[in-house]
Amino acid sequence: MRYELSDYEWTAIKPMLPNKPRGVRRVNDRRVLNGIFWVLRSGAPWRDLPEVYGPRTTCYNRFVRWRRAGVWDQIMAALAAGHDAAVQMIDTSVARVHRRGDRRAGCRVACGA
């Protein structure tokens, strides 16, 4: 699927995840990570998480717990250390204006038109 980790990405991230063998057996980490990345990449609220990724509360709770424990920072630091250059992130957001958005009252003065 579009937002899922490739095998290569999963191989790189898997050893960095916390592993507590005691207690109840954990839900599949890869599925949960794919759910977390789906929400982060799509911008959708947690309640819209597709069922294929498991319960939304599991994905949300693990995201929050790992954030508090610094797991995400450790993963980013480890992945960045594996590259010669610094991690580069690109913001692909777009702000569109209606084609008549510049014709409001007073725009000629304010816009320099």
PDB file of N, CA and C in Angstrom:
ATOM      1  N   MET A   1       0.833  -1.189   0.000  1.00  0.00           N
ATOM      2  CA  MET A   1       0.000   0.000   0.000  1.00  0.00           C
ATOM      3  C   MET A   1       0.873   1.246   0.000  1.00  0.00           C
ATOM      4  N   ARG A   2       0.237   2.349  -0.168  1.00  0.00           N
ATOM      5  CA  ARG A   2       0.934   3.610  -0.358  1.00  0.00           C
ATOM      6  C   ARG A   2       1.791   4.037   0.838  1.00  0.00           C
ATOM      7  N   TYR A   3       1.285   3.879   2.035  1.00  0.00           N
ATOM      8  CA  TYR A   3       1.981   4.400   3.216  1.00  0.00           C
ATOM      9  C   TYR A   3       2.718   3.333   4.011  1.00  0.00           C
ATOM     10  N   GLU A   4       2.870   2.142   3.491  1.00  0.00           N
ATOM     11  CA  GLU A   4       3.479   1.065   4.257  1.00  0.00           C
ATOM     12  C   GLU A   4       4.985   1.023   4.079  1.00  0.00           C
ATOM     13  N   LEU A   5       5.651   0.515   5.107  1.00  0.00           N
ATOM     14  CA  LEU A   5       7.097   0.381   5.074  1.00  0.00           C
ATOM     15  C   LEU A   5       7.512  -0.706   4.094  1.00  0.00           C
ATOM     16  N   SER A   6       8.571  -0.449   3.362  1.00  0.00           N
ATOM     17  CA  SER A   6       9.127  -1.488   2.498  1.00  0.00           C
ATOM     18  C   SER A   6       9.907  -2.468   3.369  1.00  0.00           C
ATOM     19  N   ASP A   7      10.270  -3.593   2.815  1.00  0.00           N
ATOM     20  CA  ASP A   7      11.067  -4.571   3.566  1.00  0.00           C
ATOM     21  C   ASP A   7      12.406  -3.975   3.983  1.00  0.00           C
ATOM     22  N   TYR A   8      13.004  -3.178   3.125  1.00  0.00           N
ATOM     23  CA  TYR A   8      14.281  -2.533   3.430  1.00  0.00           C
ATOM     24  C   TYR A   8      14.136  -1.568   4.615  1.00  0.00           C
ATOM     25  N   GLU A   9      13.097  -0.754   4.588  1.00  0.00           N
ATOM     26  CA  GLU A   9      12.854   0.197   5.687  1.00  0.00           C
ATOM     27  C   GLU A   9      12.575  -0.538   6.997  1.00  0.00           C
ATOM     28  N   TRP A  10      11.776  -1.592   6.919  1.00  0.00           N
ATOM     29  CA  TRP A  10      11.437  -2.363   8.117  1.00  0.00           C
ATOM     30  C   TRP A  10      12.691  -2.999   8.710  1.00  0.00           C
ATOM     31  N   THR A  11      13.575  -3.526   7.865  1.00  0.00           N
ATOM     32  CA  THR A  11      14.815  -4.140   8.334  1.00  0.00           C
ATOM     33  C   THR A  11      15.679  -3.123   9.076  1.00  0.00           C
ATOM     34  N   ALA A  12      15.671  -1.876   8.626  1.00  0.00           N
ATOM     35  CA  ALA A  12      16.466  -0.835   9.272  1.00  0.00           C
ATOM     36  C   ALA A  12      15.869  -0.394  10.602  1.00  0.00           C
ATOM     37  N   ILE A  13      14.541  -0.352  10.686  1.00  0.00           N
ATOM     38  CA  ILE A  13      13.877   0.186  11.879  1.00  0.00           C
ATOM     39  C   ILE A  13      13.651  -0.870  12.968  1.00  0.00           C
ATOM     40  N   LYS A  14      13.398  -2.103  12.591  1.00  0.00           N
ATOM     41  CA  LYS A  14      13.008  -3.142  13.542  1.00  0.00           C
ATOM     42  C   LYS A  14      13.948  -3.279  14.750  1.00  0.00           C
ATOM     43  N   PRO A  15      15.277  -3.302  14.569  1.00  0.00           N
ATOM     44  CA  PRO A  15      16.154  -3.458  15.735  1.00  0.00           C
ATOM     45  C   PRO A  15      16.108  -2.284  16.722  1.00  0.00           C
ATOM     46  N   MET A  16      15.600  -1.142  16.296  1.00  0.00           N
ATOM     47  CA  MET A  16      15.565   0.045  17.162  1.00  0.00           C
ATOM     48  C   MET A  16      14.311   0.128  18.026  1.00  0.00           C
ATOM     49  N   LEU A  17      13.354  -0.752  17.792  1.00  0.00           N
ATOM     50  CA  LEU A  17      12.100  -0.702  18.536  1.00  0.00           C
ATOM     51  C   LEU A  17      12.255  -1.340  19.907  1.00  0.00           C
ATOM     52  N   PRO A  18      11.550  -0.812  20.911  1.00  0.00           N
ATOM     53  CA  PRO A  18      11.601  -1.423  22.237  1.00  0.00           C
ATOM     54  C   PRO A  18      11.034  -2.841  22.174  1.00  0.00           C
ATOM     55  N   ASN A  19      11.639  -3.725  22.943  1.00  0.00           N
ATOM     56  CA  ASN A  19      11.194  -5.110  22.935  1.00  0.00           C
ATOM     57  C   ASN A  19      11.081  -5.595  24.376  1.00  0.00           C
ATOM     58  N   LYS A  20       9.853  -5.673  24.858  1.00  0.00           N
ATOM     59  CA  LYS A  20       9.604  -6.158  26.219  1.00  0.00           C
ATOM     60  C   LYS A  20       8.880  -7.496  26.119  1.00  0.00           C
ATOM     61  N   PRO A  21       9.603  -8.605  26.282  1.00  0.00           N
ATOM     62  CA  PRO A  21       8.986  -9.917  26.091  1.00  0.00           C
ATOM     63  C   PRO A  21       8.011 -10.327  27.190  1.00  0.00           C
ATOM     64  N   ARG A  22       7.968  -9.614  28.297  1.00  0.00           N
ATOM     65  CA  ARG A  22       7.070 -10.015  29.393  1.00  0.00           C
ATOM     66  C   ARG A  22       5.650  -9.511  29.142  1.00  0.00           C
ATOM     67  N   GLY A  23       4.703 -10.107  29.800  1.00  0.00           N
ATOM     68  CA  GLY A  23       3.313  -9.670  29.700  1.00  0.00           C
ATOM     69  C   GLY A  23       2.614 -10.220  28.479  1.00  0.00           C
ATOM     70  N   VAL A  24       1.545  -9.546  28.097  1.00  0.00           N
ATOM     71  CA  VAL A  24       0.742  -9.965  26.959  1.00  0.00           C
ATOM     72  C   VAL A  24       1.538  -9.785  25.667  1.00  0.00           C
ATOM     73  N   ARG A  25       1.409 -10.736  24.768  1.00  0.00           N
ATOM     74  CA  ARG A  25       2.114 -10.657  23.487  1.00  0.00           C
ATOM     75  C   ARG A  25       1.663  -9.409  22.727  1.00  0.00           C
ATOM     76  N   ARG A  26       2.637  -8.668  22.210  1.00  0.00           N
ATOM     77  CA  ARG A  26       2.341  -7.415  21.521  1.00  0.00           C
ATOM     78  C   ARG A  26       1.772  -7.660  20.136  1.00  0.00           C
ATOM     79  N   VAL A  27       1.007  -6.678  19.694  1.00  0.00           N
ATOM     80  CA  VAL A  27       0.473  -6.688  18.339  1.00  0.00           C
ATOM     81  C   VAL A  27       1.655  -6.501  17.386  1.00  0.00           C
ATOM     82  N   ASN A  28       1.522  -6.970  16.178  1.00  0.00           N
ATOM     83  CA  ASN A  28       2.558  -6.872  15.155  1.00  0.00           C
ATOM     84  C   ASN A  28       3.084  -5.436  15.037  1.00  0.00           C
ATOM     85  N   ASP A  29       4.361  -5.230  15.369  1.00  0.00           N
ATOM     86  CA  ASP A  29       4.949  -3.887  15.350  1.00  0.00           C
ATOM     87  C   ASP A  29       4.919  -3.258  13.964  1.00  0.00           C
ATOM     88  N   ARG A  30       5.161  -4.058  12.944  1.00  0.00           N
ATOM     89  CA  ARG A  30       5.176  -3.503  11.585  1.00  0.00           C
ATOM     90  C   ARG A  30       3.796  -2.985  11.194  1.00  0.00           C
ATOM     91  N   ARG A  31       2.763  -3.714  11.542  1.00  0.00           N
ATOM     92  CA  ARG A  31       1.403  -3.271  11.235  1.00  0.00           C
ATOM     93  C   ARG A  31       1.071  -1.985  11.985  1.00  0.00           C
ATOM     94  N   VAL A  32       1.463  -1.911  13.241  1.00  0.00           N
ATOM     95  CA  VAL A  32       1.211  -0.708  14.041  1.00  0.00           C
ATOM     96  C   VAL A  32       1.986   0.483  13.477  1.00  0.00           C
ATOM     97  N   LEU A  33       3.259   0.271  13.121  1.00  0.00           N
ATOM     98  CA  LEU A  33       4.044   1.350  12.529  1.00  0.00           C
ATOM     99  C   LEU A  33       3.435   1.821  11.219  1.00  0.00           C
ATOM    100  N   ASN A  34       2.976   0.891  10.405  1.00  0.00           N
ATOM    101  CA  ASN A  34       2.320   1.274   9.155  1.00  0.00           C
ATOM    102  C   ASN A  34       1.070   2.115   9.439  1.00  0.00           C
ATOM    103  N   GLY A  35       0.338   1.773  10.493  1.00  0.00           N
ATOM    104  CA  GLY A  35      -0.829   2.561  10.883  1.00  0.00           C
ATOM    105  C   GLY A  35      -0.442   3.958  11.343  1.00  0.00           C
ATOM    106  N   ILE A  36       0.606   4.046  12.139  1.00  0.00           N
ATOM    107  CA  ILE A  36       1.083   5.348  12.612  1.00  0.00           C
ATOM    108  C   ILE A  36       1.516   6.204  11.424  1.00  0.00           C
ATOM    109  N   PHE A  37       2.299   5.613  10.520  1.00  0.00           N
ATOM    110  CA  PHE A  37       2.761   6.357   9.351  1.00  0.00           C
ATOM    111  C   PHE A  37       1.604   6.732   8.437  1.00  0.00           C
ATOM    112  N   TRP A  38       0.574   5.895   8.373  1.00  0.00           N
ATOM    113  CA  TRP A  38      -0.593   6.234   7.551  1.00  0.00           C
ATOM    114  C   TRP A  38      -1.234   7.519   8.062  1.00  0.00           C
ATOM    115  N   VAL A  39      -1.418   7.607   9.380  1.00  0.00           N
ATOM    116  CA  VAL A  39      -2.030   8.806   9.963  1.00  0.00           C
ATOM    117  C   VAL A  39      -1.128  10.026   9.754  1.00  0.00           C
ATOM    118  N   LEU A  40       0.166   9.863  10.000  1.00  0.00           N
ATOM    119  CA  LEU A  40       1.083  10.993   9.883  1.00  0.00           C
ATOM    120  C   LEU A  40       1.217  11.472   8.441  1.00  0.00           C
ATOM    121  N   ARG A  41       1.268  10.550   7.503  1.00  0.00           N
ATOM    122  CA  ARG A  41       1.452  10.928   6.102  1.00  0.00           C
ATOM    123  C   ARG A  41       0.173  11.426   5.448  1.00  0.00           C
ATOM    124  N   SER A  42      -0.953  10.880   5.852  1.00  0.00           N
ATOM    125  CA  SER A  42      -2.214  11.281   5.226  1.00  0.00           C
ATOM    126  C   SER A  42      -2.801  12.534   5.862  1.00  0.00           C
ATOM    127  N   GLY A  43      -2.441  12.797   7.118  1.00  0.00           N
ATOM    128  CA  GLY A  43      -3.003  13.938   7.819  1.00  0.00           C
ATOM    129  C   GLY A  43      -4.400  13.678   8.364  1.00  0.00           C
ATOM    130  N   ALA A  44      -4.838  12.436   8.286  1.00  0.00           N
ATOM    131  CA  ALA A  44      -6.176  12.072   8.765  1.00  0.00           C
ATOM    132  C   ALA A  44      -6.170  11.948  10.286  1.00  0.00           C
ATOM    133  N   PRO A  45      -7.319  12.125  10.923  1.00  0.00           N
ATOM    134  CA  PRO A  45      -7.390  11.907  12.367  1.00  0.00           C
ATOM    135  C   PRO A  45      -7.275  10.412  12.680  1.00  0.00           C
ATOM    136  N   TRP A  46      -6.891  10.113  13.914  1.00  0.00           N
ATOM    137  CA  TRP A  46      -6.715   8.716  14.323  1.00  0.00           C
ATOM    138  C   TRP A  46      -7.996   7.914  14.128  1.00  0.00           C
ATOM    139  N   ARG A  47      -9.141   8.530  14.295  1.00  0.00           N
ATOM    140  CA  ARG A  47     -10.410   7.796  14.184  1.00  0.00           C
ATOM    141  C   ARG A  47     -10.664   7.286  12.775  1.00  0.00           C
ATOM    142  N   ASP A  48      -9.960   7.832  11.771  1.00  0.00           N
ATOM    143  CA  ASP A  48     -10.133   7.399  10.385  1.00  0.00           C
ATOM    144  C   ASP A  48      -9.130   6.333   9.961  1.00  0.00           C
ATOM    145  N   LEU A  49      -8.332   5.837  10.895  1.00  0.00           N
ATOM    146  CA  LEU A  49      -7.342   4.811  10.577  1.00  0.00           C
ATOM    147  C   LEU A  49      -8.035   3.556  10.050  1.00  0.00           C
ATOM    148  N   PRO A  50      -7.637   3.053   8.864  1.00  0.00           N
ATOM    149  CA  PRO A  50      -8.264   1.843   8.324  1.00  0.00           C
ATOM    150  C   PRO A  50      -8.067   0.643   9.248  1.00  0.00           C
ATOM    151  N   GLU A  51      -9.042  -0.238   9.290  1.00  0.00           N
ATOM    152  CA  GLU A  51      -9.013  -1.398  10.180  1.00  0.00           C
ATOM    153  C   GLU A  51      -7.867  -2.349   9.890  1.00  0.00           C
ATOM    154  N   VAL A  52      -7.321  -2.301   8.687  1.00  0.00           N
ATOM    155  CA  VAL A  52      -6.231  -3.199   8.315  1.00  0.00           C
ATOM    156  C   VAL A  52      -5.001  -2.994   9.212  1.00  0.00           C
ATOM    157  N   TYR A  53      -4.872  -1.818   9.817  1.00  0.00           N
ATOM    158  CA  TYR A  53      -3.746  -1.513  10.693  1.00  0.00           C
ATOM    159  C   TYR A  53      -4.017  -1.857  12.155  1.00  0.00           C
ATOM    160  N   GLY A  54      -5.136  -2.424  12.445  1.00  0.00           N
ATOM    161  CA  GLY A  54      -5.476  -2.791  13.814  1.00  0.00           C
ATOM    162  C   GLY A  54      -6.253  -1.693  14.504  1.00  0.00           C
ATOM    163  N   PRO A  55      -6.491  -1.885  15.810  1.00  0.00           N
ATOM    164  CA  PRO A  55      -7.255  -0.886  16.565  1.00  0.00           C
ATOM    165  C   PRO A  55      -6.540   0.469  16.590  1.00  0.00           C
ATOM    166  N   ARG A  56      -7.296   1.529  16.371  1.00  0.00           N
ATOM    167  CA  ARG A  56      -6.687   2.862  16.348  1.00  0.00           C
ATOM    168  C   ARG A  56      -6.094   3.223  17.704  1.00  0.00           C
ATOM    169  N   THR A  57      -6.705   2.714  18.782  1.00  0.00           N
ATOM    170  CA  THR A  57      -6.167   3.027  20.113  1.00  0.00           C
ATOM    171  C   THR A  57      -4.790   2.405  20.307  1.00  0.00           C
ATOM    172  N   THR A  58      -4.560   1.227  19.739  1.00  0.00           N
ATOM    173  CA  THR A  58      -3.247   0.591  19.840  1.00  0.00           C
ATOM    174  C   THR A  58      -2.205   1.443  19.128  1.00  0.00           C
ATOM    175  N   CYS A  59      -2.509   1.874  17.916  1.00  0.00           N
ATOM    176  CA  CYS A  59      -1.569   2.698  17.155  1.00  0.00           C
ATOM    177  C   CYS A  59      -1.312   4.029  17.862  1.00  0.00           C
ATOM    178  N   TYR A  60      -2.382   4.665  18.332  1.00  0.00           N
ATOM    179  CA  TYR A  60      -2.236   5.957  18.994  1.00  0.00           C
ATOM    180  C   TYR A  60      -1.441   5.818  20.301  1.00  0.00           C
ATOM    181  N   ASN A  61      -1.812   4.829  21.115  1.00  0.00           N
ATOM    182  CA  ASN A  61      -1.130   4.657  22.403  1.00  0.00           C
ATOM    183  C   ASN A  61       0.354   4.347  22.225  1.00  0.00           C
ATOM    184  N   ARG A  62       0.669   3.518  21.251  1.00  0.00           N
ATOM    185  CA  ARG A  62       2.082   3.197  21.019  1.00  0.00           C
ATOM    186  C   ARG A  62       2.833   4.424  20.506  1.00  0.00           C
ATOM    187  N   PHE A  63       2.204   5.201  19.634  1.00  0.00           N
ATOM    188  CA  PHE A  63       2.834   6.432  19.144  1.00  0.00           C
ATOM    189  C   PHE A  63       3.149   7.365  20.315  1.00  0.00           C
ATOM    190  N   VAL A  64       2.186   7.562  21.192  1.00  0.00           N
ATOM    191  CA  VAL A  64       2.373   8.475  22.326  1.00  0.00           C
ATOM    192  C   VAL A  64       3.408   7.927  23.307  1.00  0.00           C
ATOM    193  N   ARG A  65       3.331   6.631  23.633  1.00  0.00           N
ATOM    194  CA  ARG A  65       4.297   6.028  24.563  1.00  0.00           C
ATOM    195  C   ARG A  65       5.717   6.125  24.028  1.00  0.00           C
ATOM    196  N   TRP A  66       5.888   5.836  22.757  1.00  0.00           N
ATOM    197  CA  TRP A  66       7.224   5.891  22.167  1.00  0.00           C
ATOM    198  C   TRP A  66       7.718   7.325  22.062  1.00  0.00           C
ATOM    199  N   ARG A  67       6.809   8.271  21.887  1.00  0.00           N
ATOM    200  CA  ARG A  67       7.218   9.677  21.873  1.00  0.00           C
ATOM    201  C   ARG A  67       7.727  10.077  23.250  1.00  0.00           C
ATOM    202  N   ARG A  68       7.006   9.716  24.281  1.00  0.00           N
ATOM    203  CA  ARG A  68       7.417  10.058  25.654  1.00  0.00           C
ATOM    204  C   ARG A  68       8.720   9.376  26.044  1.00  0.00           C
ATOM    205  N   ALA A  69       8.932   8.159  25.539  1.00  0.00           N
ATOM    206  CA  ALA A  69      10.141   7.401  25.871  1.00  0.00           C
ATOM    207  C   ALA A  69      11.339   7.801  24.999  1.00  0.00           C
ATOM    208  N   GLY A  70      11.116   8.648  24.013  1.00  0.00           N
ATOM    209  CA  GLY A  70      12.199   9.096  23.148  1.00  0.00           C
ATOM    210  C   GLY A  70      12.573   8.117  22.047  1.00  0.00           C
ATOM    211  N   VAL A  71      11.722   7.145  21.783  1.00  0.00           N
ATOM    212  CA  VAL A  71      12.011   6.134  20.758  1.00  0.00           C
ATOM    213  C   VAL A  71      12.111   6.773  19.378  1.00  0.00           C
ATOM    214  N   TRP A  72      11.213   7.693  19.062  1.00  0.00           N
ATOM    215  CA  TRP A  72      11.239   8.337  17.746  1.00  0.00           C
ATOM    216  C   TRP A  72      12.525   9.133  17.555  1.00  0.00           C
ATOM    217  N   ASP A  73      12.984   9.818  18.598  1.00  0.00           N
ATOM    218  CA  ASP A  73      14.233  10.572  18.514  1.00  0.00           C
ATOM    219  C   ASP A  73      15.413   9.631  18.290  1.00  0.00           C
ATOM    220  N   GLN A  74      15.407   8.478  18.967  1.00  0.00           N
ATOM    221  CA  GLN A  74      16.487   7.505  18.798  1.00  0.00           C
ATOM    222  C   GLN A  74      16.507   6.943  17.382  1.00  0.00           C
ATOM    223  N   ILE A  75      15.333   6.664  16.841  1.00  0.00           N
ATOM    224  CA  ILE A  75      15.251   6.139  15.476  1.00  0.00           C
ATOM    225  C   ILE A  75      15.779   7.168  14.485  1.00  0.00           C
ATOM    226  N   MET A  76      15.342   8.423  14.618  1.00  0.00           N
ATOM    227  CA  MET A  76      15.804   9.471  13.700  1.00  0.00           C
ATOM    228  C   MET A  76      17.311   9.686  13.825  1.00  0.00           C
ATOM    229  N   ALA A  77      17.833   9.676  15.053  1.00  0.00           N
ATOM    230  CA  ALA A  77      19.274   9.862  15.256  1.00  0.00           C
ATOM    231  C   ALA A  77      20.062   8.711  14.633  1.00  0.00           C
ATOM    232  N   ALA A  78      19.588   7.491  14.816  1.00  0.00           N
ATOM    233  CA  ALA A  78      20.289   6.327  14.261  1.00  0.00           C
ATOM    234  C   ALA A  78      20.254   6.332  12.737  1.00  0.00           C
ATOM    235  N   LEU A  79      19.106   6.672  12.162  1.00  0.00           N
ATOM    236  CA  LEU A  79      19.008   6.721  10.706  1.00  0.00           C
ATOM    237  C   LEU A  79      19.854   7.856  10.134  1.00  0.00           C
ATOM    238  N   ALA A  80      19.897   8.992  10.829  1.00  0.00           N
ATOM    239  CA  ALA A  80      20.702  10.123  10.365  1.00  0.00           C
ATOM    240  C   ALA A  80      22.195   9.811  10.472  1.00  0.00           C
ATOM    241  N   ALA A  81      22.587   9.070  11.515  1.00  0.00           N
ATOM    242  CA  ALA A  81      24.002   8.721  11.692  1.00  0.00           C
ATOM    243  C   ALA A  81      24.483   7.773  10.590  1.00  0.00           C
ATOM    244  N   GLY A  82      23.570   7.046   9.987  1.00  0.00           N
ATOM    245  CA  GLY A  82      23.924   6.115   8.923  1.00  0.00           C
ATOM    246  C   GLY A  82      24.156   6.785   7.585  1.00  0.00           C
ATOM    247  N   HIS A  83      23.977   8.090   7.503  1.00  0.00           N
ATOM    248  CA  HIS A  83      24.157   8.833   6.251  1.00  0.00           C
ATOM    249  C   HIS A  83      25.233   9.884   6.441  1.00  0.00           C
ATOM    250  N   ASP A  84      25.933  10.176   5.360  1.00  0.00           N
ATOM    251  CA  ASP A  84      26.992  11.193   5.420  1.00  0.00           C
ATOM    252  C   ASP A  84      26.412  12.589   5.599  1.00  0.00           C
ATOM    253  N   ALA A  85      25.303  12.860   4.931  1.00  0.00           N
ATOM    254  CA  ALA A  85      24.684  14.180   5.001  1.00  0.00           C
ATOM    255  C   ALA A  85      23.645  14.207   6.119  1.00  0.00           C
ATOM    256  N   ALA A  86      23.259  15.391   6.524  1.00  0.00           N
ATOM    257  CA  ALA A  86      22.208  15.552   7.525  1.00  0.00           C
ATOM    258  C   ALA A  86      20.872  15.122   6.926  1.00  0.00           C
ATOM    259  N   VAL A  87      19.948  14.758   7.779  1.00  0.00           N
ATOM    260  CA  VAL A  87      18.621  14.384   7.311  1.00  0.00           C
ATOM    261  C   VAL A  87      17.960  15.616   6.713  1.00  0.00           C
ATOM    262  N   GLN A  88      17.385  15.459   5.555  1.00  0.00           N
ATOM    263  CA  GLN A  88      16.714  16.564   4.897  1.00  0.00           C
ATOM    264  C   GLN A  88      15.247  16.230   4.779  1.00  0.00           C
ATOM    265  N   MET A  89      14.413  17.167   5.150  1.00  0.00           N
ATOM    266  CA  MET A  89      12.980  16.975   5.062  1.00  0.00           C
ATOM    267  C   MET A  89      12.405  18.028   4.136  1.00  0.00           C
ATOM    268  N   ILE A  90      11.426  17.621   3.357  1.00  0.00           N
ATOM    269  CA  ILE A  90      10.814  18.518   2.398  1.00  0.00           C
ATOM    270  C   ILE A  90       9.351  18.697   2.758  1.00  0.00           C
ATOM    271  N   ASP A  91       8.922  19.939   2.856  1.00  0.00           N
ATOM    272  CA  ASP A  91       7.525  20.237   3.123  1.00  0.00           C
ATOM    273  C   ASP A  91       6.826  20.379   1.779  1.00  0.00           C
ATOM    274  N   THR A  92       5.865  19.500   1.526  1.00  0.00           N
ATOM    275  CA  THR A  92       5.177  19.537   0.236  1.00  0.00           C
ATOM    276  C   THR A  92       3.797  20.149   0.330  1.00  0.00           C
ATOM    277  N   SER A  93       3.531  20.889   1.394  1.00  0.00           N
ATOM    278  CA  SER A  93       2.218  21.506   1.526  1.00  0.00           C
ATOM    279  C   SER A  93       2.067  22.630   0.507  1.00  0.00           C
ATOM    280  N   VAL A  94       0.851  22.853   0.094  1.00  0.00           N
ATOM    281  CA  VAL A  94       0.557  23.866  -0.916  1.00  0.00           C
ATOM    282  C   VAL A  94      -0.569  24.747  -0.399  1.00  0.00           C
ATOM    283  N   ALA A  95      -0.403  26.044  -0.536  1.00  0.00           N
ATOM    284  CA  ALA A  95      -1.466  26.982  -0.167  1.00  0.00           C
ATOM    285  C   ALA A  95      -1.997  27.582  -1.452  1.00  0.00           C
ATOM    286  N   ARG A  96      -3.249  27.319  -1.747  1.00  0.00           N
ATOM    287  CA  ARG A  96      -3.847  27.829  -2.976  1.00  0.00           C
ATOM    288  C   ARG A  96      -4.777  28.989  -2.660  1.00  0.00           C
ATOM    289  N   VAL A  97      -4.799  29.941  -3.554  1.00  0.00           N
ATOM    290  CA  VAL A  97      -5.674  31.098  -3.430  1.00  0.00           C
ATOM    291  C   VAL A  97      -6.655  31.043  -4.585  1.00  0.00           C
ATOM    292  N   HIS A  98      -7.878  31.390  -4.295  1.00  0.00           N
ATOM    293  CA  HIS A  98      -8.882  31.456  -5.364  1.00  0.00           C
ATOM    294  C   HIS A  98      -8.402  32.445  -6.413  1.00  0.00           C
ATOM    295  N   ARG A  99      -8.688  32.189  -7.665  1.00  0.00           N
ATOM    296  CA  ARG A  99      -8.169  33.039  -8.731  1.00  0.00           C
ATOM    297  C   ARG A  99      -8.610  34.485  -8.610  1.00  0.00           C
ATOM    298  N   ARG A 100      -9.692  34.721  -7.883  1.00  0.00           N
ATOM    299  CA  ARG A 100     -10.141  36.105  -7.670  1.00  0.00           C
ATOM    300  C   ARG A 100      -9.788  36.581  -6.270  1.00  0.00           C
ATOM    301  N   GLY A 101      -8.959  35.836  -5.568  1.00  0.00           N
ATOM    302  CA  GLY A 101      -8.602  36.160  -4.191  1.00  0.00           C
ATOM    303  C   GLY A 101      -7.813  37.448  -4.050  1.00  0.00           C
ATOM    304  N   ASP A 102      -7.171  37.916  -5.121  1.00  0.00           N
ATOM    305  CA  ASP A 102      -6.388  39.137  -5.032  1.00  0.00           C
ATOM    306  C   ASP A 102      -7.187  40.375  -5.403  1.00  0.00           C
ATOM    307  N   ARG A 103      -8.472  40.229  -5.673  1.00  0.00           N
ATOM    308  CA  ARG A 103      -9.293  41.368  -6.113  1.00  0.00           C
ATOM    309  C   ARG A 103     -10.197  41.900  -5.020  1.00  0.00           C
ATOM    310  N   ARG A 104      -9.898  41.580  -3.803  1.00  0.00           N
ATOM    311  CA  ARG A 104     -10.736  42.089  -2.715  1.00  0.00           C
ATOM    312  C   ARG A 104     -10.492  43.591  -2.540  1.00  0.00           C
ATOM    313  N   ALA A 105     -11.354  44.233  -1.806  1.00  0.00           N
ATOM    314  CA  ALA A 105     -11.262  45.688  -1.612  1.00  0.00           C
ATOM    315  C   ALA A 105      -9.936  46.056  -0.972  1.00  0.00           C
ATOM    316  N   GLY A 106      -9.262  47.035  -1.531  1.00  0.00           N
ATOM    317  CA  GLY A 106      -8.021  47.512  -0.954  1.00  0.00           C
ATOM    318  C   GLY A 106      -6.797  46.733  -1.363  1.00  0.00           C
ATOM    319  N   CYS A 107      -6.949  45.704  -2.176  1.00  0.00           N
ATOM    320  CA  CYS A 107      -5.808  44.877  -2.556  1.00  0.00           C
ATOM    321  C   CYS A 107      -4.853  45.639  -3.478  1.00  0.00           C
ATOM    322  N   ARG A 108      -5.370  46.544  -4.269  1.00  0.00           N
ATOM    323  CA  ARG A 108      -4.478  47.267  -5.169  1.00  0.00           C
ATOM    324  C   ARG A 108      -3.416  48.047  -4.400  1.00  0.00           C
ATOM    325  N   VAL A 109      -3.812  48.604  -3.280  1.00  0.00           N
ATOM    326  CA  VAL A 109      -2.848  49.338  -2.467  1.00  0.00           C
ATOM    327  C   VAL A 109      -1.945  48.365  -1.709  1.00  0.00           C
ATOM    328  N   ALA A 110      -2.554  47.380  -1.058  1.00  0.00           N
ATOM    329  CA  ALA A 110      -1.796  46.456  -0.221  1.00  0.00           C
ATOM    330  C   ALA A 110      -0.927  45.514  -1.056  1.00  0.00           C
ATOM    331  N   CYS A 111      -1.410  45.122  -2.216  1.00  0.00           N
ATOM    332  CA  CYS A 111      -0.687  44.161  -3.060  1.00  0.00           C
ATOM    333  C   CYS A 111       0.285  44.840  -4.018  1.00  0.00           C
ATOM    334  N   GLY A 112       0.227  46.142  -4.092  1.00  0.00           N
ATOM    335  CA  GLY A 112       1.114  46.867  -5.008  1.00  0.00           C
ATOM    336  C   GLY A 112       0.665  46.793  -6.454  1.00  0.00           C
ATOM    337  N   ALA A 113      -0.613  46.481  -6.686  1.00  0.00           N
ATOM    338  CA  ALA A 113      -1.112  46.366  -8.073  1.00  0.00           C
ATOM    339  C   ALA A 113      -1.473  47.708  -8.653  1.00  0.00           C
TER     340      ALA A 113
END
